[in-house]
Amino acid sequence: MTDTKKQCSQYTSVSCETRDDLEVWIIKNKYADAAILTQGAQLISYNNKGEKPIIWQSRDTFYKSGIPVRGGIPIIGPWFNALETNPPEISHFVTQEQNAPSHGFLRDISWTLEDVKESDEKTVITFSYTHTRNLLWNRHFRTNITYTIGAELDVALSFENTDESEISITSALHTYFAISDVSNIVVPSFDTIKYIDTLDERKEKIWDGELVIDQERDYIFLNPPTKQSIVDKGWEREIHLETRGSKSAVLWNPWKEKAKALSMFADEEYKEMLCIETANISKDLRTLLPGEVHDLGVCIKSKNLP
C-alpha cells in the first residue's frame, strides 16, 4: 500500500485507501465521485456531485482478496457465466474445465494501474492485466480498462490477442444500476428485440413493449439498440446508456427468492438494483487474430425527467 499511496500523492483528484484486504482508488473531482478496486479493476461506485448514486453496491459488501464485490461494474471475461453455457469456441481455450469459475477470472485478480490523466472536467484512469498461458486459459492476451469520470461515466474495455494463434472471447461490463425501487422503473429500450430467456430453457423470444421488473428477469438481448435507458419515476430521472462494440446485452434482476440465496446481497436489495450489461456473449462472441484488438464500451449519464 505504501507504493500505492506514493502514486496517489501525484494527483489532485485521486486518493487511496484500504478496505479490509483490498486497495481502493477514490476519485473526487468537480462533477463526480467514484471508487475503483485494484482487484478486478472494478468500479464500485459512481455518482454526480450531490446526486443519488448511479452505480449500485450492496450494503452487505465485504472486501476480501479473491472474492468479487457485489455491485459496481465487474469485468467479465474471457468467458461469460458458466463455461458450459458459452459457444464451443470458448471452452477450447480452457484446459481444466472442471475448475473454470463462473464469469471467468478477470474480476478476481489484481490489475495494474497504468495511467491517470486529470483535467478540470474529468479524471481518466486506466488499469491493465496481461495474461500468460496457463491451465485456466491457454492463450496469451492483454486487456485494458479505462474509466472516464466526470459529468458522464465512460467505460472502455479492450482485449488484445498477444498470442500466435487466434482466440475467441465472451465478455461483459456487468453494470449494476442504482434505482429508487423496482416498482418505479421501466426500460423502454428492448421493444421488438429478440432475446434468449435463460429462465425458460434458453428459448429465443421477442420482447413486446416496455419492460418492467415484476418478477425475476435474466435475458440476453440480441442486436439491441446502442442507446438504452432506465426511466426511474421515483428518483425523477432517466439513466442513459450508449454502447460501443457490442451486439448483445443482459438484463438481470434476481427477484425475491434468488436474492435470498446470493452472497453479499441483502434479501430486499433486489428492489434497489437492475443490471443492464454491455456485452459480447452468446452469438456475439469475438474472435481475434494475432495482434488484433477488440474494444467494448459504454457511456452512462443521468438526466432529470421533464
Protein backbone atom coordinates (compact mmCIF):
# COMPACT_ATOMS: atom_id res chain seq x y z
CA MET A 1 0.00 0.00 0.00
CA THR A 2 3.00 2.33 0.55
CA ASP A 3 3.79 2.39 -3.18
CA THR A 4 0.12 2.96 -3.97
CA LYS A 5 -0.06 5.96 -1.64
CA LYS A 6 3.08 7.34 -3.27
CA GLN A 7 1.38 7.04 -6.66
CA CYS A 8 -1.75 8.72 -5.31
CA SER A 9 0.21 11.68 -3.97
CA GLN A 10 0.89 12.77 -7.56
CA TYR A 11 -2.78 13.54 -8.22
CA THR A 12 -5.28 16.12 -7.04
CA SER A 13 -8.49 14.17 -7.76
CA VAL A 14 -7.31 10.66 -6.78
CA SER A 15 -6.61 9.25 -3.33
CA CYS A 16 -6.15 5.73 -1.98
CA GLU A 17 -7.33 3.69 0.97
CA THR A 18 -7.52 0.09 2.15
CA ARG A 19 -10.81 -1.63 2.94
CA ASP A 20 -10.08 -4.92 4.68
CA ASP A 21 -7.87 -6.78 2.15
CA LEU A 22 -8.40 -4.56 -0.87
CA GLU A 23 -6.92 -1.36 -2.28
CA VAL A 24 -9.45 1.26 -3.33
CA TRP A 25 -8.81 4.26 -5.59
CA ILE A 26 -11.07 7.17 -4.65
CA ILE A 27 -11.86 9.75 -7.33
CA LYS A 28 -13.37 13.11 -6.41
CA ASN A 29 -13.48 15.88 -8.98
CA LYS A 30 -15.67 18.85 -9.88
CA TYR A 31 -18.50 16.76 -11.31
CA ALA A 32 -18.46 13.29 -9.75
CA ASP A 33 -17.32 10.88 -7.07
CA ALA A 34 -16.24 7.31 -7.77
CA ALA A 35 -14.30 4.39 -6.30
CA ILE A 36 -12.36 1.62 -8.07
CA LEU A 37 -10.77 -1.54 -6.69
CA THR A 38 -7.34 -2.72 -7.82
CA GLN A 39 -8.80 -6.24 -7.63
CA GLY A 40 -10.62 -6.78 -10.90
CA ALA A 41 -10.15 -3.07 -11.76
CA GLN A 42 -13.78 -2.96 -10.65
CA LEU A 43 -15.54 0.37 -10.34
CA ILE A 44 -17.74 0.04 -7.25
CA SER A 45 -19.41 3.46 -7.03
CA TYR A 46 -20.21 6.50 -9.16
CA ASN A 47 -22.48 9.48 -8.65
CA ASN A 48 -22.72 13.04 -9.87
CA LYS A 49 -21.93 15.59 -7.18
CA GLY A 50 -24.79 15.92 -4.70
CA GLU A 51 -26.96 13.41 -6.60
CA LYS A 52 -28.28 9.90 -5.97
CA PRO A 53 -25.89 7.05 -6.89
CA ILE A 54 -25.98 5.86 -10.49
CA ILE A 55 -23.97 2.70 -9.80
CA TRP A 56 -25.25 0.36 -7.07
CA GLN A 57 -23.25 -1.54 -4.46
CA SER A 58 -24.62 -3.95 -1.86
CA ARG A 59 -24.81 -2.86 1.77
CA ASP A 60 -23.52 -6.35 2.65
CA THR A 61 -20.22 -5.77 0.84
CA PHE A 62 -17.01 -7.06 2.37
CA TYR A 63 -13.54 -6.69 0.89
CA LYS A 64 -11.64 -10.00 0.78
CA SER A 65 -8.90 -10.98 -1.62
CA GLY A 66 -10.11 -13.25 -4.42
CA ILE A 67 -13.81 -12.63 -3.74
CA PRO A 68 -15.62 -10.34 -6.21
CA VAL A 69 -17.57 -7.46 -4.68
CA ARG A 70 -21.33 -7.46 -5.28
CA GLY A 71 -22.26 -4.40 -7.30
CA GLY A 72 -20.42 -1.77 -9.30
CA ILE A 73 -19.13 -2.88 -12.71
CA PRO A 74 -17.46 -6.29 -12.52
CA ILE A 75 -15.38 -7.02 -15.65
CA ILE A 76 -16.46 -10.38 -17.01
CA GLY A 77 -14.19 -12.45 -19.23
CA PRO A 78 -12.69 -14.20 -21.06
CA TRP A 79 -15.93 -16.14 -20.76
CA PHE A 80 -19.40 -15.21 -19.52
CA ASN A 81 -21.45 -17.10 -16.93
CA ALA A 82 -20.81 -20.84 -16.52
CA LEU A 83 -18.32 -22.09 -19.09
CA GLU A 84 -20.73 -24.70 -20.43
CA THR A 85 -23.27 -22.01 -21.42
CA ASN A 86 -20.77 -20.47 -23.84
CA PRO A 87 -20.27 -21.34 -27.51
CA PRO A 88 -17.91 -24.31 -28.01
CA GLU A 89 -15.20 -21.99 -29.36
CA ILE A 90 -14.71 -20.65 -25.82
CA SER A 91 -14.19 -23.91 -23.91
CA HIS A 92 -11.50 -24.84 -26.46
CA PHE A 93 -9.14 -22.46 -24.63
CA VAL A 94 -9.76 -23.85 -21.12
CA THR A 95 -7.64 -26.86 -20.21
CA GLN A 96 -9.21 -27.59 -16.81
CA GLU A 97 -12.90 -27.07 -17.48
CA GLN A 98 -13.94 -28.52 -14.12
CA ASN A 99 -12.09 -25.68 -12.35
CA ALA A 100 -13.40 -22.89 -14.54
CA PRO A 101 -15.10 -20.24 -12.35
CA SER A 102 -18.34 -18.63 -13.44
CA HIS A 103 -17.80 -15.37 -15.35
CA GLY A 104 -14.10 -16.05 -15.98
CA PHE A 105 -11.26 -14.76 -13.81
CA LEU A 106 -10.77 -11.08 -14.65
CA ARG A 107 -12.90 -9.85 -11.74
CA ASP A 108 -10.89 -11.89 -9.19
CA ILE A 109 -7.27 -10.96 -9.98
CA SER A 110 -5.19 -7.88 -9.30
CA TRP A 111 -4.78 -5.38 -12.15
CA THR A 112 -2.05 -2.77 -12.62
CA LEU A 113 -2.62 0.97 -12.64
CA GLU A 114 -1.31 2.20 -15.99
CA ASP A 115 -2.19 5.87 -16.18
CA VAL A 116 -4.11 8.77 -14.65
CA LYS A 117 -4.98 11.93 -16.55
CA GLU A 118 -6.65 14.88 -14.82
CA SER A 119 -8.38 17.99 -16.15
CA ASP A 120 -10.94 20.50 -14.89
CA GLU A 121 -13.71 18.41 -16.49
CA LYS A 122 -12.80 14.79 -15.74
CA THR A 123 -10.43 12.18 -14.36
CA VAL A 124 -9.29 9.38 -16.70
CA ILE A 125 -7.85 6.27 -15.04
CA THR A 126 -6.58 3.14 -16.81
CA PHE A 127 -5.75 -0.33 -15.47
CA SER A 128 -4.26 -3.29 -17.33
CA TYR A 129 -3.87 -7.04 -16.98
CA THR A 130 -1.52 -9.23 -19.03
CA HIS A 131 -2.34 -12.93 -19.18
CA THR A 132 0.21 -15.65 -19.84
CA ARG A 133 -0.90 -19.09 -20.98
CA ASN A 134 -1.92 -21.40 -18.14
CA LEU A 135 -4.30 -24.29 -17.49
CA LEU A 136 -7.25 -21.96 -16.94
CA TRP A 137 -6.83 -20.14 -20.27
CA ASN A 138 -4.23 -21.44 -22.69
CA ARG A 139 -3.65 -18.33 -24.80
CA HIS A 140 -1.82 -15.04 -24.18
CA PHE A 141 -3.81 -11.81 -24.13
CA ARG A 142 -3.73 -8.31 -22.71
CA THR A 143 -6.69 -6.27 -21.54
CA ASN A 144 -7.09 -2.62 -20.53
CA ILE A 145 -9.97 -0.85 -18.81
CA THR A 146 -10.27 2.94 -18.90
CA TYR A 147 -12.77 4.87 -16.78
CA THR A 148 -13.50 8.48 -17.67
CA ILE A 149 -15.13 10.03 -14.63
CA GLY A 150 -16.89 13.37 -14.93
CA ALA A 151 -20.43 14.56 -15.58
CA GLU A 152 -20.71 11.30 -17.53
CA LEU A 153 -19.13 7.92 -16.86
CA ASP A 154 -17.39 6.30 -19.81
CA VAL A 155 -16.08 2.74 -19.57
CA ALA A 156 -13.78 1.33 -22.27
CA LEU A 157 -12.59 -2.29 -22.15
CA SER A 158 -10.10 -3.60 -24.72
CA PHE A 159 -8.85 -7.11 -25.43
CA GLU A 160 -5.65 -7.60 -27.42
CA ASN A 161 -4.62 -11.02 -28.72
CA THR A 162 -0.91 -11.25 -27.91
CA ASP A 163 -0.76 -14.95 -28.79
CA GLU A 164 0.48 -16.57 -32.00
CA SER A 165 -2.92 -18.19 -32.59
CA GLU A 166 -6.43 -16.75 -32.80
CA ILE A 167 -8.58 -16.56 -29.69
CA SER A 168 -12.30 -16.28 -29.07
CA ILE A 169 -13.75 -14.49 -26.04
CA THR A 170 -17.05 -13.64 -24.42
CA SER A 171 -17.11 -10.69 -22.04
CA ALA A 172 -19.34 -8.13 -20.35
CA LEU A 173 -19.39 -4.94 -18.34
CA HIS A 174 -21.72 -6.33 -15.65
CA THR A 175 -23.15 -2.95 -14.61
CA TYR A 176 -25.36 -2.72 -11.51
CA PHE A 177 -27.55 0.39 -11.70
CA ALA A 178 -28.99 2.03 -8.59
CA ILE A 179 -32.75 2.65 -8.72
CA SER A 180 -35.34 4.05 -6.32
CA ASP A 181 -37.44 0.87 -6.34
CA VAL A 182 -38.21 -1.78 -8.95
CA SER A 183 -41.87 -0.74 -8.89
CA ASN A 184 -40.89 2.75 -10.11
CA ILE A 185 -38.89 1.86 -13.22
CA VAL A 186 -39.48 0.93 -16.83
CA VAL A 187 -36.95 0.01 -19.52
CA PRO A 188 -38.25 1.17 -22.90
CA SER A 189 -35.20 0.09 -24.92
CA PHE A 190 -35.92 -3.51 -25.91
CA ASP A 191 -39.33 -3.39 -27.62
CA THR A 192 -39.40 -5.83 -30.61
CA ILE A 193 -35.87 -7.08 -29.81
CA LYS A 194 -35.08 -10.81 -29.95
CA TYR A 195 -33.77 -12.26 -26.68
CA ILE A 196 -32.70 -15.52 -25.06
CA ASP A 197 -34.81 -16.30 -21.99
CA THR A 198 -32.33 -18.04 -19.70
CA LEU A 199 -35.17 -18.82 -17.28
CA ASP A 200 -37.10 -20.81 -19.91
CA GLU A 201 -34.65 -23.34 -21.38
CA ARG A 202 -32.79 -20.54 -23.22
CA LYS A 203 -35.61 -20.20 -25.73
CA GLU A 204 -35.38 -17.32 -28.22
CA LYS A 205 -38.30 -14.90 -27.95
CA ILE A 206 -39.17 -11.33 -28.94
CA TRP A 207 -39.88 -8.72 -26.28
CA ASP A 208 -43.08 -6.70 -26.70
CA GLY A 209 -43.42 -3.20 -25.22
CA GLU A 210 -41.75 -1.57 -22.24
CA LEU A 211 -40.04 -3.87 -19.78
CA VAL A 212 -40.97 -3.72 -16.09
CA ILE A 213 -39.40 -5.58 -13.18
CA ASP A 214 -42.21 -7.51 -11.51
CA GLN A 215 -40.52 -10.93 -11.39
CA GLU A 216 -37.09 -12.48 -11.90
CA ARG A 217 -35.53 -11.31 -15.17
CA ASP A 218 -32.49 -12.87 -16.83
CA TYR A 219 -32.48 -12.16 -20.54
CA ILE A 220 -29.80 -11.90 -23.22
CA PHE A 221 -30.90 -9.41 -25.87
CA LEU A 222 -29.51 -9.96 -29.36
CA ASN A 223 -28.66 -6.95 -31.55
CA PRO A 224 -30.12 -4.43 -29.09
CA PRO A 225 -30.10 -0.71 -29.86
CA THR A 226 -26.89 1.10 -28.96
CA LYS A 227 -28.93 3.66 -26.99
CA GLN A 228 -30.68 2.21 -23.93
CA SER A 229 -32.28 3.73 -20.85
CA ILE A 230 -33.84 3.17 -17.43
CA VAL A 231 -36.73 5.51 -16.59
CA ASP A 232 -36.99 5.95 -12.82
CA LYS A 233 -40.11 7.84 -11.76
CA GLY A 234 -39.23 7.50 -8.06
CA TRP A 235 -35.99 9.47 -8.43
CA GLU A 236 -37.40 11.51 -11.34
CA ARG A 237 -34.50 10.70 -13.64
CA GLU A 238 -33.55 8.69 -16.69
CA ILE A 239 -30.25 6.83 -16.92
CA HIS A 240 -28.96 6.77 -20.50
CA LEU A 241 -26.51 4.21 -21.89
CA GLU A 242 -24.76 4.42 -25.25
CA THR A 243 -22.81 1.26 -26.09
CA ARG A 244 -19.88 0.55 -28.41
CA GLY A 245 -18.53 -2.71 -29.83
CA SER A 246 -21.49 -4.70 -28.56
CA LYS A 247 -24.29 -6.66 -30.21
CA SER A 248 -25.66 -8.24 -27.05
CA ALA A 249 -26.96 -7.03 -23.69
CA VAL A 250 -28.02 -8.75 -20.49
CA LEU A 251 -30.88 -7.54 -18.31
CA TRP A 252 -30.95 -9.11 -14.86
CA ASN A 253 -32.77 -8.80 -11.56
CA PRO A 254 -32.78 -11.83 -9.21
CA TRP A 255 -36.17 -11.02 -7.59
CA LYS A 256 -37.23 -12.26 -4.17
CA GLU A 257 -36.29 -15.91 -3.83
CA LYS A 258 -32.98 -15.87 -5.68
CA ALA A 259 -31.89 -12.74 -3.80
CA LYS A 260 -32.03 -14.72 -0.56
CA ALA A 261 -29.50 -17.21 -1.93
CA LEU A 262 -26.98 -14.71 -3.31
CA SER A 263 -23.76 -13.95 -1.47
CA MET A 264 -23.04 -10.37 -0.41
CA PHE A 265 -26.67 -9.43 -1.17
CA ALA A 266 -29.28 -8.47 1.45
CA ASP A 267 -32.68 -10.15 1.00
CA GLU A 268 -34.54 -6.96 0.00
CA GLU A 269 -31.82 -5.37 -2.14
CA TYR A 270 -33.29 -6.73 -5.37
CA LYS A 271 -35.67 -3.75 -5.11
CA GLU A 272 -32.77 -1.28 -5.36
CA MET A 273 -30.82 -2.52 -8.40
CA LEU A 274 -31.05 -3.50 -12.02
CA CYS A 275 -28.27 -4.87 -14.19
CA ILE A 276 -28.02 -3.90 -17.83
CA GLU A 277 -24.79 -5.38 -19.08
CA THR A 278 -22.98 -4.21 -22.21
CA ALA A 279 -21.72 -7.47 -23.62
CA ASN A 280 -20.13 -9.69 -26.24
CA ILE A 281 -21.82 -13.01 -25.42
CA SER A 282 -23.69 -15.90 -27.00
CA LYS A 283 -23.71 -15.36 -30.78
CA ASP A 284 -21.85 -12.09 -30.20
CA LEU A 285 -18.59 -13.77 -29.15
CA ARG A 286 -15.50 -12.11 -30.63
CA THR A 287 -12.67 -13.93 -32.42
CA LEU A 288 -9.34 -12.11 -32.58
CA LEU A 289 -6.42 -12.88 -34.88
CA PRO A 290 -2.88 -12.47 -33.52
CA GLY A 291 -2.30 -8.79 -32.80
CA GLU A 292 -5.98 -7.87 -33.20
CA VAL A 293 -7.77 -5.69 -30.63
CA HIS A 294 -11.48 -5.51 -29.78
CA ASP A 295 -12.98 -2.58 -27.87
CA LEU A 296 -16.16 -2.83 -25.80
CA GLY A 297 -17.56 0.26 -24.14
CA VAL A 298 -20.46 2.21 -22.68
CA CYS A 299 -21.13 5.83 -21.83
CA ILE A 300 -23.51 6.38 -18.92
CA LYS A 301 -25.27 9.60 -17.92
CA SER A 302 -28.31 10.68 -15.93
CA LYS A 303 -30.88 13.34 -16.79
CA ASN A 304 -33.83 14.65 -14.84
CA LEU A 305 -37.26 13.70 -16.14
CA PRO A 306 -39.25 16.63 -17.57
